[in-house]
Amino acid sequence: SEKDTPELLRQKMGSVAISNPNSMNVPVPSRSDKFGKKNNNAANPFGYSADDEDQYWALQDSAERLRESFEALGPEGGFLSPQTARDVLVKTGLGKDQLRRIWNLSDIDRDGFFDMEEYVVAMFLCDAVIQKGRPIPESLPATVVPPSKRALMKERGGL
């Protein structure tokens, strides 16, 4: 009970380590697939290397930086409405034709809404044109396509 003295607790617990009385109930992970996680590199806080072609996303760092601005736009169910996404793109100052091409590349699943990953792709493309003076590509490089959308791109012949 909470009124037990430390000495009484030691007697009750016997040989259990007193330094951390809760340690006897804490599971110690012994495998990378603990708790249903099957991905061996997902535990690396620095993400995937470019060598891991299936999971590497060149825009991962950008995604982490852009998460707050995406959330500030008020996504519903994880998606920006077409109007909200349009308004964000218009504010970049790019021309209508450029924005149309960026939209077509960024709306990977063609649902008319931007999820977080599609928003990141759109912002990356806008930045590439505005700040770096690059042309808008005809298709997305494989490393710019989010890993979660690559199968969809392959189905459509985009990768």
N, C-alpha and C. Protein backbone atom coordinates (compact mmCIF):
# COMPACT_ATOMS: atom_id res chain seq x y z
N SER A 1 0.83 -1.18 0.00
CA SER A 1 0.00 0.00 0.00
C SER A 1 0.88 1.25 0.00
N GLU A 2 0.28 2.41 -0.18
CA GLU A 2 1.06 3.64 -0.23
C GLU A 2 1.62 4.03 1.13
N LYS A 3 1.15 3.40 2.19
CA LYS A 3 1.64 3.71 3.52
C LYS A 3 2.81 2.83 3.94
N ASP A 4 3.19 1.88 3.09
CA ASP A 4 4.30 0.98 3.41
C ASP A 4 5.61 1.75 3.46
N THR A 5 6.44 1.38 4.39
CA THR A 5 7.77 1.99 4.49
C THR A 5 8.69 1.32 3.47
N PRO A 6 9.80 1.95 3.13
CA PRO A 6 10.73 1.33 2.19
C PRO A 6 11.19 -0.06 2.67
N GLU A 7 11.40 -0.20 3.96
CA GLU A 7 11.83 -1.50 4.48
C GLU A 7 10.76 -2.57 4.27
N LEU A 8 9.51 -2.22 4.53
CA LEU A 8 8.41 -3.16 4.35
C LEU A 8 8.25 -3.53 2.87
N LEU A 9 8.40 -2.54 1.98
CA LEU A 9 8.33 -2.82 0.55
C LEU A 9 9.42 -3.79 0.13
N ARG A 10 10.64 -3.60 0.65
CA ARG A 10 11.74 -4.52 0.31
C ARG A 10 11.41 -5.94 0.74
N GLN A 11 10.78 -6.07 1.91
CA GLN A 11 10.40 -7.40 2.38
C GLN A 11 9.34 -8.02 1.48
N LYS A 12 8.35 -7.22 1.08
CA LYS A 12 7.27 -7.72 0.23
C LYS A 12 7.78 -8.11 -1.15
N MET A 13 8.71 -7.34 -1.70
CA MET A 13 9.18 -7.57 -3.06
C MET A 13 10.26 -8.63 -3.13
N GLY A 14 10.86 -8.94 -2.03
CA GLY A 14 11.87 -9.99 -2.02
C GLY A 14 13.07 -9.65 -2.87
N SER A 15 13.38 -10.49 -3.85
CA SER A 15 14.61 -10.35 -4.63
C SER A 15 14.45 -9.46 -5.86
N VAL A 16 13.31 -8.84 -6.04
CA VAL A 16 13.10 -7.96 -7.19
C VAL A 16 13.99 -6.73 -7.06
N ALA A 17 14.52 -6.28 -8.15
CA ALA A 17 15.41 -5.12 -8.14
C ALA A 17 14.67 -3.91 -7.59
N ILE A 18 15.23 -3.32 -6.56
CA ILE A 18 14.59 -2.19 -5.91
C ILE A 18 14.90 -0.89 -6.65
N SER A 19 15.97 -0.85 -7.42
CA SER A 19 16.33 0.38 -8.11
C SER A 19 15.21 0.85 -9.04
N ASN A 20 14.47 -0.07 -9.61
CA ASN A 20 13.33 0.27 -10.44
C ASN A 20 12.27 -0.80 -10.22
N PRO A 21 11.38 -0.58 -9.26
CA PRO A 21 10.39 -1.61 -8.95
C PRO A 21 9.46 -1.94 -10.12
N ASN A 22 9.33 -1.05 -11.10
CA ASN A 22 8.46 -1.31 -12.25
C ASN A 22 9.14 -2.13 -13.32
N SER A 23 10.45 -2.35 -13.20
CA SER A 23 11.19 -3.01 -14.27
C SER A 23 10.72 -4.44 -14.52
N MET A 24 10.11 -5.07 -13.53
CA MET A 24 9.68 -6.44 -13.75
C MET A 24 8.49 -6.53 -14.71
N ASN A 25 7.80 -5.41 -14.95
CA ASN A 25 6.63 -5.43 -15.83
C ASN A 25 6.89 -4.79 -17.20
N VAL A 26 8.08 -4.27 -17.43
CA VAL A 26 8.37 -3.59 -18.68
C VAL A 26 8.95 -4.60 -19.67
N PRO A 27 8.29 -4.78 -20.82
CA PRO A 27 8.84 -5.70 -21.81
C PRO A 27 10.10 -5.12 -22.44
N VAL A 28 11.09 -5.95 -22.62
CA VAL A 28 12.32 -5.53 -23.25
C VAL A 28 12.29 -6.02 -24.69
N PRO A 29 12.31 -5.08 -25.65
CA PRO A 29 12.26 -5.50 -27.06
C PRO A 29 13.49 -6.32 -27.41
N SER A 30 13.27 -7.41 -28.11
CA SER A 30 14.39 -8.25 -28.52
C SER A 30 14.42 -8.44 -30.03
N ARG A 31 13.42 -7.89 -30.74
CA ARG A 31 13.35 -8.06 -32.19
C ARG A 31 12.96 -6.74 -32.83
N SER A 32 13.32 -6.59 -34.10
CA SER A 32 12.97 -5.36 -34.81
C SER A 32 11.49 -5.34 -35.19
N ASP A 33 10.82 -6.49 -35.16
CA ASP A 33 9.40 -6.51 -35.54
C ASP A 33 8.49 -6.42 -34.32
N LYS A 34 9.00 -5.85 -33.23
CA LYS A 34 8.20 -5.73 -32.01
C LYS A 34 6.97 -4.87 -32.26
N PHE A 35 5.96 -5.13 -31.54
CA PHE A 35 4.72 -4.37 -31.59
C PHE A 35 4.15 -4.27 -32.99
N GLY A 36 4.35 -5.30 -33.81
CA GLY A 36 3.76 -5.34 -35.14
C GLY A 36 4.53 -4.60 -36.20
N LYS A 37 5.65 -3.97 -35.84
CA LYS A 37 6.43 -3.24 -36.84
C LYS A 37 7.31 -4.22 -37.58
N LYS A 38 7.17 -4.25 -38.89
CA LYS A 38 7.93 -5.19 -39.70
C LYS A 38 9.12 -4.54 -40.40
N ASN A 39 9.22 -3.22 -40.36
CA ASN A 39 10.25 -2.52 -41.10
C ASN A 39 11.51 -2.39 -40.25
N ASN A 40 12.59 -2.96 -40.69
CA ASN A 40 13.81 -2.99 -39.89
C ASN A 40 14.48 -1.63 -39.73
N ASN A 41 14.36 -0.73 -40.69
CA ASN A 41 15.03 0.56 -40.60
C ASN A 41 14.16 1.67 -40.05
N ALA A 42 12.89 1.39 -39.78
CA ALA A 42 11.97 2.44 -39.35
C ALA A 42 12.38 3.04 -38.01
N ALA A 43 13.16 2.33 -37.23
CA ALA A 43 13.55 2.84 -35.92
C ALA A 43 14.68 3.86 -36.02
N ASN A 44 15.29 4.01 -37.17
CA ASN A 44 16.38 4.96 -37.31
C ASN A 44 15.80 6.36 -37.37
N PRO A 45 16.11 7.21 -36.38
CA PRO A 45 15.53 8.55 -36.36
C PRO A 45 16.03 9.46 -37.47
N PHE A 46 17.03 9.01 -38.23
CA PHE A 46 17.57 9.82 -39.31
C PHE A 46 17.02 9.41 -40.66
N GLY A 47 16.06 8.51 -40.67
CA GLY A 47 15.39 8.11 -41.90
C GLY A 47 16.19 7.10 -42.71
N TYR A 48 15.79 6.97 -43.96
CA TYR A 48 16.38 6.00 -44.87
C TYR A 48 17.48 6.64 -45.69
N SER A 49 18.43 5.83 -46.11
CA SER A 49 19.47 6.34 -47.00
C SER A 49 19.01 6.17 -48.44
N ALA A 50 19.66 6.86 -49.33
CA ALA A 50 19.31 6.78 -50.75
C ALA A 50 19.53 5.37 -51.29
N ASP A 51 20.33 4.57 -50.59
CA ASP A 51 20.57 3.19 -51.00
C ASP A 51 19.32 2.33 -50.87
N ASP A 52 18.41 2.71 -49.96
CA ASP A 52 17.17 1.96 -49.75
C ASP A 52 16.11 2.53 -50.68
N GLU A 53 16.15 2.13 -51.93
CA GLU A 53 15.30 2.72 -52.97
C GLU A 53 13.81 2.57 -52.70
N ASP A 54 13.41 1.53 -51.98
CA ASP A 54 12.00 1.31 -51.72
C ASP A 54 11.42 2.28 -50.70
N GLN A 55 12.24 2.71 -49.75
CA GLN A 55 11.73 3.54 -48.66
C GLN A 55 12.26 4.97 -48.64
N TYR A 56 13.35 5.23 -49.35
CA TYR A 56 13.95 6.57 -49.33
C TYR A 56 13.02 7.57 -50.00
N TRP A 57 12.87 8.74 -49.37
CA TRP A 57 12.11 9.84 -49.95
C TRP A 57 12.97 11.08 -49.81
N ALA A 58 13.37 11.65 -50.92
CA ALA A 58 14.25 12.81 -50.93
C ALA A 58 13.65 14.00 -50.21
N LEU A 59 12.33 14.02 -50.06
CA LEU A 59 11.66 15.17 -49.45
C LEU A 59 11.30 14.97 -47.98
N GLN A 60 11.83 13.93 -47.35
CA GLN A 60 11.47 13.65 -45.96
C GLN A 60 11.79 14.81 -45.03
N ASP A 61 12.97 15.41 -45.18
CA ASP A 61 13.32 16.55 -44.33
C ASP A 61 12.37 17.72 -44.57
N SER A 62 12.03 17.95 -45.83
CA SER A 62 11.07 19.02 -46.16
C SER A 62 9.72 18.73 -45.53
N ALA A 63 9.32 17.47 -45.55
CA ALA A 63 8.02 17.09 -44.97
C ALA A 63 7.97 17.43 -43.49
N GLU A 64 9.06 17.17 -42.81
CA GLU A 64 9.10 17.47 -41.37
C GLU A 64 9.01 18.98 -41.14
N ARG A 65 9.67 19.77 -41.99
CA ARG A 65 9.62 21.22 -41.85
C ARG A 65 8.25 21.79 -42.23
N LEU A 66 7.58 21.16 -43.20
CA LEU A 66 6.31 21.68 -43.70
C LEU A 66 5.08 21.19 -42.94
N ARG A 67 5.26 20.24 -42.04
CA ARG A 67 4.11 19.67 -41.33
C ARG A 67 3.29 20.75 -40.62
N GLU A 68 3.97 21.66 -39.94
CA GLU A 68 3.26 22.70 -39.19
C GLU A 68 2.44 23.60 -40.12
N SER A 69 3.02 23.97 -41.26
CA SER A 69 2.27 24.84 -42.19
C SER A 69 1.09 24.08 -42.80
N PHE A 70 1.27 22.79 -43.06
CA PHE A 70 0.17 21.98 -43.57
C PHE A 70 -0.98 21.94 -42.55
N GLU A 71 -0.64 21.67 -41.30
CA GLU A 71 -1.66 21.60 -40.24
C GLU A 71 -2.34 22.95 -40.04
N ALA A 72 -1.60 24.04 -40.21
CA ALA A 72 -2.17 25.38 -40.04
C ALA A 72 -3.22 25.69 -41.10
N LEU A 73 -3.16 24.99 -42.22
CA LEU A 73 -4.14 25.20 -43.29
C LEU A 73 -5.47 24.50 -43.02
N GLY A 74 -5.53 23.74 -41.94
CA GLY A 74 -6.79 23.11 -41.52
C GLY A 74 -7.24 21.94 -42.37
N PRO A 75 -6.37 20.96 -42.58
CA PRO A 75 -6.79 19.80 -43.36
C PRO A 75 -7.95 19.08 -42.68
N GLU A 76 -8.85 18.56 -43.49
CA GLU A 76 -9.97 17.80 -42.96
C GLU A 76 -9.75 16.34 -43.29
N GLY A 77 -9.66 15.51 -42.26
CA GLY A 77 -9.39 14.10 -42.45
C GLY A 77 -8.02 13.86 -43.08
N GLY A 78 -7.11 14.79 -42.89
CA GLY A 78 -5.76 14.65 -43.42
C GLY A 78 -5.59 15.18 -44.84
N PHE A 79 -6.60 15.88 -45.36
CA PHE A 79 -6.56 16.38 -46.73
C PHE A 79 -6.90 17.86 -46.80
N LEU A 80 -6.18 18.57 -47.66
CA LEU A 80 -6.53 19.95 -47.97
C LEU A 80 -7.56 19.93 -49.09
N SER A 81 -8.58 20.74 -48.95
CA SER A 81 -9.59 20.83 -50.01
C SER A 81 -8.93 21.40 -51.27
N PRO A 82 -9.54 21.15 -52.42
CA PRO A 82 -8.99 21.72 -53.66
C PRO A 82 -8.88 23.25 -53.58
N GLN A 83 -9.84 23.90 -52.97
CA GLN A 83 -9.81 25.37 -52.88
C GLN A 83 -8.65 25.84 -52.00
N THR A 84 -8.46 25.19 -50.86
CA THR A 84 -7.37 25.58 -49.96
C THR A 84 -6.02 25.34 -50.64
N ALA A 85 -5.86 24.17 -51.25
CA ALA A 85 -4.60 23.87 -51.94
C ALA A 85 -4.36 24.86 -53.08
N ARG A 86 -5.42 25.19 -53.81
CA ARG A 86 -5.31 26.15 -54.91
C ARG A 86 -4.85 27.50 -54.37
N ASP A 87 -5.47 27.97 -53.27
CA ASP A 87 -5.12 29.27 -52.70
C ASP A 87 -3.65 29.32 -52.29
N VAL A 88 -3.15 28.24 -51.72
CA VAL A 88 -1.73 28.18 -51.33
C VAL A 88 -0.84 28.29 -52.56
N LEU A 89 -1.18 27.56 -53.60
CA LEU A 89 -0.37 27.59 -54.82
C LEU A 89 -0.42 28.96 -55.50
N VAL A 90 -1.57 29.59 -55.54
CA VAL A 90 -1.70 30.91 -56.17
C VAL A 90 -0.80 31.92 -55.46
N LYS A 91 -0.69 31.79 -54.12
CA LYS A 91 0.13 32.73 -53.35
C LYS A 91 1.62 32.64 -53.69
N THR A 92 2.02 31.60 -54.39
CA THR A 92 3.43 31.49 -54.78
C THR A 92 3.79 32.49 -55.86
N GLY A 93 2.78 33.00 -56.58
CA GLY A 93 3.04 33.96 -57.64
C GLY A 93 3.37 33.34 -58.98
N LEU A 94 3.35 32.03 -59.06
CA LEU A 94 3.62 31.37 -60.33
C LEU A 94 2.41 31.51 -61.25
N GLY A 95 2.66 31.37 -62.56
CA GLY A 95 1.60 31.50 -63.54
C GLY A 95 0.66 30.31 -63.54
N LYS A 96 -0.50 30.54 -64.13
CA LYS A 96 -1.55 29.53 -64.17
C LYS A 96 -1.07 28.24 -64.84
N ASP A 97 -0.38 28.34 -65.95
CA ASP A 97 0.12 27.14 -66.63
C ASP A 97 1.12 26.37 -65.77
N GLN A 98 2.00 27.11 -65.09
CA GLN A 98 2.96 26.45 -64.20
C GLN A 98 2.24 25.75 -63.06
N LEU A 99 1.27 26.43 -62.48
CA LEU A 99 0.53 25.84 -61.36
C LEU A 99 -0.26 24.61 -61.80
N ARG A 100 -0.80 24.65 -63.00
CA ARG A 100 -1.53 23.49 -63.53
C ARG A 100 -0.60 22.29 -63.62
N ARG A 101 0.60 22.51 -64.13
CA ARG A 101 1.57 21.40 -64.27
C ARG A 101 2.02 20.90 -62.90
N ILE A 102 2.25 21.83 -61.97
CA ILE A 102 2.64 21.43 -60.61
C ILE A 102 1.51 20.64 -59.96
N TRP A 103 0.28 21.09 -60.14
CA TRP A 103 -0.87 20.35 -59.57
C TRP A 103 -0.92 18.94 -60.14
N ASN A 104 -0.79 18.82 -61.44
CA ASN A 104 -0.88 17.51 -62.08
C ASN A 104 0.21 16.56 -61.59
N LEU A 105 1.38 17.09 -61.31
CA LEU A 105 2.46 16.25 -60.77
C LEU A 105 2.25 15.93 -59.29
N SER A 106 1.72 16.88 -58.54
CA SER A 106 1.61 16.74 -57.08
C SER A 106 0.41 15.92 -56.63
N ASP A 107 -0.70 16.05 -57.34
CA ASP A 107 -1.91 15.30 -56.96
C ASP A 107 -1.76 13.88 -57.51
N ILE A 108 -0.91 13.13 -56.86
CA ILE A 108 -0.48 11.83 -57.36
C ILE A 108 -1.63 10.84 -57.49
N ASP A 109 -2.55 10.87 -56.54
CA ASP A 109 -3.67 9.92 -56.59
C ASP A 109 -4.87 10.46 -57.38
N ARG A 110 -4.73 11.65 -57.91
CA ARG A 110 -5.75 12.26 -58.79
C ARG A 110 -7.13 12.38 -58.13
N ASP A 111 -7.14 12.67 -56.81
CA ASP A 111 -8.43 12.81 -56.14
C ASP A 111 -8.85 14.27 -55.98
N GLY A 112 -7.98 15.20 -56.39
CA GLY A 112 -8.31 16.62 -56.29
C GLY A 112 -8.00 17.23 -54.93
N PHE A 113 -7.55 16.42 -53.98
CA PHE A 113 -7.20 16.89 -52.64
C PHE A 113 -5.71 16.64 -52.43
N PHE A 114 -5.10 17.46 -51.60
CA PHE A 114 -3.69 17.27 -51.24
C PHE A 114 -3.60 16.66 -49.85
N ASP A 115 -2.96 15.51 -49.74
CA ASP A 115 -2.60 15.02 -48.42
C ASP A 115 -1.24 15.65 -48.08
N MET A 116 -0.71 15.34 -46.94
CA MET A 116 0.55 15.94 -46.50
C MET A 116 1.67 15.71 -47.52
N GLU A 117 1.79 14.50 -48.01
CA GLU A 117 2.88 14.17 -48.93
C GLU A 117 2.73 14.92 -50.25
N GLU A 118 1.52 15.00 -50.76
CA GLU A 118 1.29 15.72 -52.01
C GLU A 118 1.55 17.22 -51.84
N TYR A 119 1.19 17.75 -50.69
CA TYR A 119 1.47 19.15 -50.37
C TYR A 119 2.98 19.39 -50.39
N VAL A 120 3.73 18.49 -49.81
CA VAL A 120 5.20 18.62 -49.77
C VAL A 120 5.76 18.61 -51.20
N VAL A 121 5.26 17.71 -52.03
CA VAL A 121 5.72 17.64 -53.42
C VAL A 121 5.41 18.96 -54.14
N ALA A 122 4.21 19.47 -53.95
CA ALA A 122 3.83 20.73 -54.59
C ALA A 122 4.73 21.88 -54.13
N MET A 123 4.98 21.97 -52.84
CA MET A 123 5.83 23.04 -52.32
C MET A 123 7.27 22.89 -52.82
N PHE A 124 7.74 21.65 -52.93
CA PHE A 124 9.08 21.40 -53.47
C PHE A 124 9.17 21.88 -54.91
N LEU A 125 8.16 21.56 -55.72
CA LEU A 125 8.18 21.97 -57.12
C LEU A 125 8.11 23.49 -57.24
N CYS A 126 7.27 24.12 -56.44
CA CYS A 126 7.19 25.59 -56.47
C CYS A 126 8.53 26.21 -56.09
N ASP A 127 9.13 25.68 -55.05
CA ASP A 127 10.43 26.18 -54.59
C ASP A 127 11.49 26.00 -55.67
N ALA A 128 11.48 24.87 -56.34
CA ALA A 128 12.47 24.61 -57.38
C ALA A 128 12.36 25.63 -58.51
N VAL A 129 11.14 26.01 -58.85
CA VAL A 129 10.93 26.99 -59.92
C VAL A 129 11.28 28.40 -59.44
N ILE A 130 10.74 28.78 -58.28
CA ILE A 130 10.89 30.16 -57.79
C ILE A 130 12.31 30.46 -57.33
N GLN A 131 12.84 29.63 -56.44
CA GLN A 131 14.12 29.95 -55.82
C GLN A 131 15.33 29.44 -56.59
N LYS A 132 15.16 28.35 -57.31
CA LYS A 132 16.31 27.75 -57.98
C LYS A 132 16.25 27.90 -59.49
N GLY A 133 15.15 28.42 -60.01
CA GLY A 133 15.03 28.65 -61.44
C GLY A 133 14.99 27.40 -62.29
N ARG A 134 14.60 26.30 -61.69
CA ARG A 134 14.54 25.03 -62.44
C ARG A 134 13.23 24.94 -63.22
N PRO A 135 13.27 24.22 -64.33
CA PRO A 135 12.02 23.99 -65.06
C PRO A 135 11.17 22.94 -64.33
N ILE A 136 9.88 22.97 -64.55
CA ILE A 136 8.99 21.96 -63.98
C ILE A 136 9.23 20.68 -64.78
N PRO A 137 9.52 19.57 -64.10
CA PRO A 137 9.80 18.33 -64.83
C PRO A 137 8.55 17.79 -65.54
N GLU A 138 8.77 17.00 -66.55
CA GLU A 138 7.65 16.34 -67.25
C GLU A 138 7.01 15.28 -66.35
N SER A 139 7.85 14.63 -65.55
CA SER A 139 7.36 13.63 -64.59
C SER A 139 8.21 13.74 -63.33
N LEU A 140 7.69 13.22 -62.24
CA LEU A 140 8.42 13.29 -60.97
C LEU A 140 9.56 12.28 -60.95
N PRO A 141 10.73 12.70 -60.50
CA PRO A 141 11.80 11.72 -60.27
C PRO A 141 11.34 10.72 -59.20
N ALA A 142 11.78 9.49 -59.31
CA ALA A 142 11.35 8.44 -58.38
C ALA A 142 11.59 8.82 -56.92
N THR A 143 12.69 9.51 -56.62
CA THR A 143 13.00 9.86 -55.23
C THR A 143 12.10 10.96 -54.68
N VAL A 144 11.38 11.66 -55.56
CA VAL A 144 10.46 12.70 -55.12
C VAL A 144 9.06 12.14 -54.87
N VAL A 145 8.75 11.01 -55.47
CA VAL A 145 7.46 10.37 -55.24
C VAL A 145 7.48 9.73 -53.85
N PRO A 146 6.52 10.07 -52.99
CA PRO A 146 6.50 9.46 -51.65
C PRO A 146 6.41 7.93 -51.75
N PRO A 147 7.12 7.21 -50.89
CA PRO A 147 7.08 5.74 -50.94
C PRO A 147 5.66 5.17 -50.90
N SER A 148 4.76 5.83 -50.17
CA SER A 148 3.39 5.33 -50.06
C SER A 148 2.61 5.45 -51.37
N LYS A 149 3.12 6.21 -52.32
CA LYS A 149 2.40 6.43 -53.58
C LYS A 149 3.10 5.80 -54.78
N ARG A 150 4.21 5.14 -54.55
CA ARG A 150 4.97 4.58 -55.68
C ARG A 150 4.24 3.47 -56.41
N ALA A 151 3.53 2.64 -55.69
CA ALA A 151 2.78 1.56 -56.35
C ALA A 151 1.73 2.15 -57.27
N LEU A 152 1.07 3.20 -56.84
CA LEU A 152 0.07 3.87 -57.66
C LEU A 152 0.71 4.45 -58.92
N MET A 153 1.87 5.04 -58.77
CA MET A 153 2.58 5.60 -59.93
C MET A 153 2.99 4.49 -60.91
N LYS A 154 3.41 3.37 -60.36
CA LYS A 154 3.81 2.26 -61.23
C LYS A 154 2.62 1.72 -62.00
N GLU A 155 1.46 1.65 -61.35
CA GLU A 155 0.24 1.19 -62.02
C GLU A 155 -0.11 2.07 -63.21
N ARG A 156 0.13 3.35 -63.05
CA ARG A 156 -0.17 4.30 -64.12
C ARG A 156 0.99 4.47 -65.10
N GLY A 157 2.07 3.73 -64.87
CA GLY A 157 3.22 3.82 -65.76
C GLY A 157 4.07 5.05 -65.53
N GLY A 158 3.97 5.64 -64.34
CA GLY A 158 4.72 6.86 -64.06
C GLY A 158 6.10 6.65 -63.49
N LEU A 159 6.43 5.44 -63.08
CA LEU A 159 7.78 5.18 -62.52
C LEU A 159 8.45 4.08 -63.30
